[in-house]
Amino acid sequence: MNSWIDLDALWKIVVIGLLAGAGLPALFAVGLRAVSLPGRDDGSTATETGGDRVLGSNPLGLAAGAVCFTVVLAAIAWGIYSVVAGT
């Protein structure tokens, strides 16, 4: 093992970087997709009700989206806390 490169620390940095760098944006995208899922068709369209809807009417999609957004916000808060606390 080279004294210049700590392989144990390197793989930890790569894994955390992949999770935070690709995992959190992917989870955010899944949350956006879940929130936009259509629900039951009640016979009205978006133009009849006054414009485009941002949120879908599927309660399960809204719940899944809320969970995804909560996890992303918790990860952001944990990262800010870690930087401020110096750990």
N, C-alpha and C. Protein backbone atom coordinates (compact mmCIF):
# COMPACT_ATOMS: atom_id res chain seq x y z
N MET A 1 0.85 -1.18 0.00
CA MET A 1 0.00 0.00 0.00
C MET A 1 0.88 1.23 0.00
N ASN A 2 0.48 2.20 -0.75
CA ASN A 2 1.22 3.44 -0.88
C ASN A 2 0.91 4.35 0.31
N SER A 3 1.92 5.00 0.83
CA SER A 3 1.69 5.89 1.97
C SER A 3 1.02 7.20 1.53
N TRP A 4 1.00 7.46 0.25
CA TRP A 4 0.36 8.68 -0.25
C TRP A 4 -1.14 8.51 -0.43
N ILE A 5 -1.59 7.30 -0.67
CA ILE A 5 -3.00 7.06 -0.97
C ILE A 5 -3.59 6.14 0.10
N ASP A 6 -4.61 6.61 0.77
CA ASP A 6 -5.33 5.81 1.75
C ASP A 6 -6.55 5.21 1.03
N LEU A 7 -6.43 3.94 0.64
CA LEU A 7 -7.49 3.30 -0.15
C LEU A 7 -8.78 3.15 0.64
N ASP A 8 -8.70 2.98 1.94
CA ASP A 8 -9.91 2.86 2.75
C ASP A 8 -10.72 4.16 2.70
N ALA A 9 -10.04 5.28 2.84
CA ALA A 9 -10.72 6.57 2.76
C ALA A 9 -11.19 6.86 1.33
N LEU A 10 -10.42 6.42 0.34
CA LEU A 10 -10.76 6.70 -1.05
C LEU A 10 -12.07 6.03 -1.45
N TRP A 11 -12.26 4.76 -1.09
CA TRP A 11 -13.50 4.11 -1.49
C TRP A 11 -14.70 4.70 -0.76
N LYS A 12 -14.51 5.16 0.49
CA LYS A 12 -15.61 5.81 1.21
C LYS A 12 -16.01 7.11 0.53
N ILE A 13 -15.02 7.87 0.08
CA ILE A 13 -15.29 9.13 -0.61
C ILE A 13 -16.02 8.88 -1.93
N VAL A 14 -15.61 7.85 -2.66
CA VAL A 14 -16.25 7.53 -3.93
C VAL A 14 -17.70 7.11 -3.72
N VAL A 15 -17.95 6.27 -2.72
CA VAL A 15 -19.33 5.80 -2.47
C VAL A 15 -20.22 6.96 -2.04
N ILE A 16 -19.76 7.78 -1.11
CA ILE A 16 -20.56 8.92 -0.66
C ILE A 16 -20.77 9.91 -1.81
N GLY A 17 -19.74 10.11 -2.62
CA GLY A 17 -19.88 11.00 -3.77
C GLY A 17 -20.90 10.50 -4.77
N LEU A 18 -20.91 9.20 -5.02
CA LEU A 18 -21.91 8.66 -5.94
C LEU A 18 -23.31 8.76 -5.37
N LEU A 19 -23.45 8.46 -4.08
CA LEU A 19 -24.79 8.55 -3.47
C LEU A 19 -25.30 9.98 -3.46
N ALA A 20 -24.46 10.90 -3.04
CA ALA A 20 -24.89 12.30 -2.95
C ALA A 20 -24.92 12.96 -4.32
N GLY A 21 -23.99 12.60 -5.18
CA GLY A 21 -23.89 13.26 -6.48
C GLY A 21 -24.87 12.77 -7.50
N ALA A 22 -25.21 11.50 -7.46
CA ALA A 22 -26.15 10.95 -8.42
C ALA A 22 -27.41 10.43 -7.75
N GLY A 23 -27.30 9.94 -6.54
CA GLY A 23 -28.44 9.34 -5.86
C GLY A 23 -29.50 10.35 -5.45
N LEU A 24 -29.07 11.45 -4.86
CA LEU A 24 -30.05 12.45 -4.41
C LEU A 24 -30.77 13.13 -5.58
N PRO A 25 -30.08 13.53 -6.65
CA PRO A 25 -30.83 14.07 -7.80
C PRO A 25 -31.76 13.03 -8.43
N ALA A 26 -31.34 11.78 -8.46
CA ALA A 26 -32.21 10.73 -9.00
C ALA A 26 -33.44 10.54 -8.11
N LEU A 27 -33.25 10.58 -6.81
CA LEU A 27 -34.38 10.47 -5.88
C LEU A 27 -35.32 11.66 -6.02
N PHE A 28 -34.76 12.84 -6.22
CA PHE A 28 -35.58 14.03 -6.45
C PHE A 28 -36.40 13.87 -7.73
N ALA A 29 -35.79 13.32 -8.78
CA ALA A 29 -36.51 13.09 -10.03
C ALA A 29 -37.62 12.06 -9.86
N VAL A 30 -37.37 11.03 -9.08
CA VAL A 30 -38.41 10.05 -8.79
C VAL A 30 -39.56 10.71 -8.03
N GLY A 31 -39.23 11.60 -7.11
CA GLY A 31 -40.27 12.33 -6.38
C GLY A 31 -41.11 13.21 -7.30
N LEU A 32 -40.45 13.89 -8.24
CA LEU A 32 -41.20 14.71 -9.20
C LEU A 32 -42.11 13.85 -10.06
N ARG A 33 -41.60 12.70 -10.48
CA ARG A 33 -42.42 11.81 -11.31
C ARG A 33 -43.60 11.26 -10.50
N ALA A 34 -43.37 10.94 -9.25
CA ALA A 34 -44.45 10.40 -8.41
C ALA A 34 -45.53 11.46 -8.18
N VAL A 35 -45.11 12.70 -7.97
CA VAL A 35 -46.08 13.77 -7.72
C VAL A 35 -46.93 14.04 -8.95
N SER A 36 -46.38 13.81 -10.14
CA SER A 36 -47.11 14.13 -11.37
C SER A 36 -47.97 12.98 -11.87
N LEU A 37 -48.03 11.85 -11.14
CA LEU A 37 -48.84 10.73 -11.59
C LEU A 37 -50.32 11.12 -11.62
N PRO A 38 -50.99 10.75 -12.68
CA PRO A 38 -52.42 11.07 -12.73
C PRO A 38 -53.22 10.15 -11.81
N GLY A 39 -54.30 10.68 -11.33
CA GLY A 39 -55.18 9.90 -10.46
C GLY A 39 -56.38 9.42 -11.24
N ARG A 40 -57.47 9.28 -10.53
CA ARG A 40 -58.71 8.87 -11.19
C ARG A 40 -59.17 9.95 -12.14
N ASP A 41 -59.76 9.55 -13.23
CA ASP A 41 -60.30 10.51 -14.19
C ASP A 41 -61.70 10.89 -13.74
N ASP A 42 -61.84 12.16 -13.32
CA ASP A 42 -63.14 12.62 -12.85
C ASP A 42 -63.95 13.29 -13.95
N GLY A 43 -63.48 13.19 -15.19
CA GLY A 43 -64.23 13.75 -16.30
C GLY A 43 -63.85 15.16 -16.66
N SER A 44 -63.07 15.84 -15.86
CA SER A 44 -62.68 17.21 -16.17
C SER A 44 -61.22 17.21 -16.64
N THR A 45 -60.90 18.16 -17.50
CA THR A 45 -59.53 18.29 -17.97
C THR A 45 -58.91 19.51 -17.32
N ALA A 46 -57.63 19.68 -17.50
CA ALA A 46 -56.92 20.80 -16.88
C ALA A 46 -57.41 22.13 -17.43
N THR A 47 -57.77 22.16 -18.72
CA THR A 47 -58.23 23.43 -19.29
C THR A 47 -59.63 23.78 -18.81
N GLU A 48 -60.44 22.78 -18.50
CA GLU A 48 -61.79 23.04 -18.00
C GLU A 48 -61.76 23.54 -16.56
N THR A 49 -60.73 23.15 -15.81
CA THR A 49 -60.67 23.53 -14.41
C THR A 49 -59.85 24.79 -14.18
N GLY A 50 -59.38 25.41 -15.22
CA GLY A 50 -58.72 26.69 -15.05
C GLY A 50 -57.22 26.71 -15.29
N GLY A 51 -56.67 25.72 -15.94
CA GLY A 51 -55.25 25.77 -16.26
C GLY A 51 -54.54 24.46 -16.00
N ASP A 52 -53.25 24.52 -16.17
CA ASP A 52 -52.44 23.32 -15.97
C ASP A 52 -52.30 23.01 -14.49
N ARG A 53 -52.33 21.73 -14.18
CA ARG A 53 -52.11 21.29 -12.81
C ARG A 53 -50.64 20.96 -12.63
N VAL A 54 -50.08 21.38 -11.53
CA VAL A 54 -48.71 21.04 -11.23
C VAL A 54 -48.66 19.69 -10.54
N LEU A 55 -49.57 19.45 -9.63
CA LEU A 55 -49.62 18.20 -8.88
C LEU A 55 -50.66 17.28 -9.48
N GLY A 56 -50.34 16.00 -9.46
CA GLY A 56 -51.32 15.01 -9.89
C GLY A 56 -52.38 14.83 -8.82
N SER A 57 -53.36 14.02 -9.11
CA SER A 57 -54.42 13.80 -8.14
C SER A 57 -54.35 12.41 -7.54
N ASN A 58 -53.19 11.78 -7.65
CA ASN A 58 -53.01 10.44 -7.11
C ASN A 58 -52.46 10.54 -5.69
N PRO A 59 -53.23 10.15 -4.67
CA PRO A 59 -52.75 10.29 -3.28
C PRO A 59 -51.50 9.46 -2.99
N LEU A 60 -51.40 8.29 -3.59
CA LEU A 60 -50.21 7.46 -3.38
C LEU A 60 -48.98 8.12 -4.00
N GLY A 61 -49.14 8.73 -5.16
CA GLY A 61 -48.04 9.46 -5.79
C GLY A 61 -47.61 10.66 -4.98
N LEU A 62 -48.57 11.37 -4.42
CA LEU A 62 -48.24 12.51 -3.58
C LEU A 62 -47.50 12.08 -2.31
N ALA A 63 -47.91 10.97 -1.73
CA ALA A 63 -47.23 10.46 -0.54
C ALA A 63 -45.81 10.00 -0.87
N ALA A 64 -45.65 9.29 -1.98
CA ALA A 64 -44.32 8.83 -2.38
C ALA A 64 -43.41 10.01 -2.69
N GLY A 65 -43.96 11.02 -3.35
CA GLY A 65 -43.18 12.22 -3.64
C GLY A 65 -42.77 12.94 -2.37
N ALA A 66 -43.66 13.01 -1.40
CA ALA A 66 -43.34 13.67 -0.14
C ALA A 66 -42.22 12.93 0.60
N VAL A 67 -42.26 11.59 0.54
CA VAL A 67 -41.19 10.81 1.17
C VAL A 67 -39.85 11.07 0.47
N CYS A 68 -39.86 11.08 -0.85
CA CYS A 68 -38.63 11.34 -1.60
C CYS A 68 -38.08 12.72 -1.28
N PHE A 69 -38.92 13.73 -1.27
CA PHE A 69 -38.47 15.09 -0.99
C PHE A 69 -37.98 15.22 0.45
N THR A 70 -38.61 14.51 1.38
CA THR A 70 -38.18 14.54 2.78
C THR A 70 -36.78 13.94 2.93
N VAL A 71 -36.53 12.84 2.23
CA VAL A 71 -35.21 12.21 2.29
C VAL A 71 -34.15 13.14 1.71
N VAL A 72 -34.46 13.80 0.60
CA VAL A 72 -33.51 14.73 -0.01
C VAL A 72 -33.24 15.91 0.92
N LEU A 73 -34.29 16.47 1.50
CA LEU A 73 -34.10 17.58 2.43
C LEU A 73 -33.33 17.16 3.68
N ALA A 74 -33.57 15.96 4.17
CA ALA A 74 -32.83 15.47 5.34
C ALA A 74 -31.35 15.30 5.01
N ALA A 75 -31.04 14.82 3.81
CA ALA A 75 -29.64 14.66 3.41
C ALA A 75 -28.96 16.02 3.28
N ILE A 76 -29.67 17.00 2.76
CA ILE A 76 -29.11 18.35 2.65
C ILE A 76 -28.87 18.93 4.04
N ALA A 77 -29.84 18.76 4.93
CA ALA A 77 -29.68 19.28 6.30
C ALA A 77 -28.53 18.59 7.01
N TRP A 78 -28.38 17.28 6.82
CA TRP A 78 -27.28 16.54 7.43
C TRP A 78 -25.94 17.03 6.89
N GLY A 79 -25.87 17.30 5.60
CA GLY A 79 -24.63 17.81 5.01
C GLY A 79 -24.27 19.18 5.55
N ILE A 80 -25.25 20.05 5.66
CA ILE A 80 -24.99 21.39 6.22
C ILE A 80 -24.56 21.28 7.68
N TYR A 81 -25.23 20.42 8.44
CA TYR A 81 -24.86 20.22 9.82
C TYR A 81 -23.43 19.70 9.95
N SER A 82 -23.05 18.76 9.10
CA SER A 82 -21.71 18.20 9.14
C SER A 82 -20.64 19.25 8.85
N VAL A 83 -20.94 20.13 7.91
CA VAL A 83 -19.98 21.18 7.58
C VAL A 83 -19.86 22.18 8.72
N VAL A 84 -20.99 22.57 9.27
CA VAL A 84 -20.97 23.57 10.34
C VAL A 84 -20.34 22.99 11.62
N ALA A 85 -20.65 21.74 11.94
CA ALA A 85 -20.11 21.12 13.15
C ALA A 85 -18.65 20.74 13.00
N GLY A 86 -18.17 20.66 11.76
CA GLY A 86 -16.77 20.33 11.53
C GLY A 86 -16.44 18.87 11.67
N THR A 87 -17.43 18.01 11.47
CA THR A 87 -17.17 16.57 11.57
C THR A 87 -16.97 15.95 10.22
